Amino acid sequence: MGEKVQEYKIKGHQLTCPVCQGTLFWTRKSMLNTRGLTFLGMDWANKAADNYVCDNCGYMMWFLPK
């Protein structure tokens, strides 16, 4: 994939895959589109979520911005 694979901590807790118990993840961001902003052609104004993808099984976890 080309992304950096590493271990992550979320609020001081080791991130572990709930499917395979893997601890290596790569990250990406996904837009949290809403109907209203999409209707207005303003998708760029939507918030983005952080995704952590397990490098072993591919399970993706989503974390909302604070």
Protein backbone atom coordinates (compact mmCIF):
# COMPACT_ATOMS: atom_id res chain seq x y z
CA MET A 1 0.00 0.00 0.00
CA GLY A 2 2.89 2.38 0.55
CA GLU A 3 1.51 3.78 3.81
CA LYS A 4 3.58 3.76 6.98
CA VAL A 5 2.63 0.75 9.11
CA GLN A 6 3.10 1.18 12.85
CA GLU A 7 1.59 0.76 16.31
CA TYR A 8 -0.74 3.48 17.63
CA LYS A 9 -2.11 4.55 21.00
CA ILE A 10 -5.51 6.17 21.41
CA LYS A 11 -5.91 8.09 24.69
CA GLY A 12 -3.02 6.11 26.17
CA HIS A 13 -4.35 2.68 25.14
CA GLN A 14 -2.61 0.38 22.64
CA LEU A 15 -4.75 0.10 19.52
CA THR A 16 -5.54 -3.57 18.90
CA CYS A 17 -7.64 -5.04 16.10
CA PRO A 18 -10.86 -6.56 17.50
CA VAL A 19 -10.86 -9.20 14.74
CA CYS A 20 -7.31 -10.62 14.69
CA GLN A 21 -5.66 -8.90 17.69
CA GLY A 22 -3.09 -7.29 15.36
CA THR A 23 -1.26 -4.18 16.56
CA LEU A 24 0.10 -2.79 13.27
CA PHE A 25 -2.03 -0.28 11.38
CA TRP A 26 -1.84 2.20 8.54
CA THR A 27 -3.95 5.35 8.54
CA ARG A 28 -6.12 7.37 6.22
CA LYS A 29 -8.81 10.04 6.50
CA SER A 30 -12.39 9.76 5.24
CA MET A 31 -14.88 12.55 4.75
CA LEU A 32 -18.06 12.43 6.83
CA ASN A 33 -20.41 13.72 4.14
CA THR A 34 -23.79 15.16 5.03
CA ARG A 35 -26.76 15.43 2.69
CA GLY A 36 -27.10 19.17 3.19
CA LEU A 37 -23.54 20.13 2.32
CA THR A 38 -23.45 17.62 -0.55
CA PHE A 39 -26.68 19.11 -1.95
CA LEU A 40 -25.09 22.56 -1.81
CA GLY A 41 -21.90 21.30 -3.48
CA MET A 42 -19.87 22.03 -0.33
CA ASP A 43 -18.51 18.56 0.47
CA TRP A 44 -15.16 20.18 1.29
CA ALA A 45 -16.77 21.72 4.42
CA ASN A 46 -17.59 18.32 5.99
CA LYS A 47 -15.49 16.95 8.85
CA ALA A 48 -13.06 14.07 8.33
CA ALA A 49 -12.62 10.94 10.45
CA ASP A 50 -9.32 9.20 11.16
CA ASN A 51 -9.26 5.59 9.96
CA TYR A 52 -6.87 2.95 11.29
CA VAL A 53 -6.63 -0.10 9.01
CA CYS A 54 -5.23 -3.36 10.42
CA ASP A 55 -2.22 -4.39 8.35
CA ASN A 56 -2.96 -8.07 9.05
CA CYS A 57 -6.67 -8.50 8.23
CA GLY A 58 -7.77 -5.12 6.79
CA TYR A 59 -10.37 -4.32 9.46
CA MET A 60 -10.93 -0.54 9.58
CA MET A 61 -11.70 1.45 12.73
CA TRP A 62 -13.12 4.98 12.54
CA PHE A 63 -12.41 7.71 15.09
CA LEU A 64 -14.31 10.98 15.05
CA PRO A 65 -12.53 14.30 15.48
CA LYS A 66 -12.81 15.99 18.87
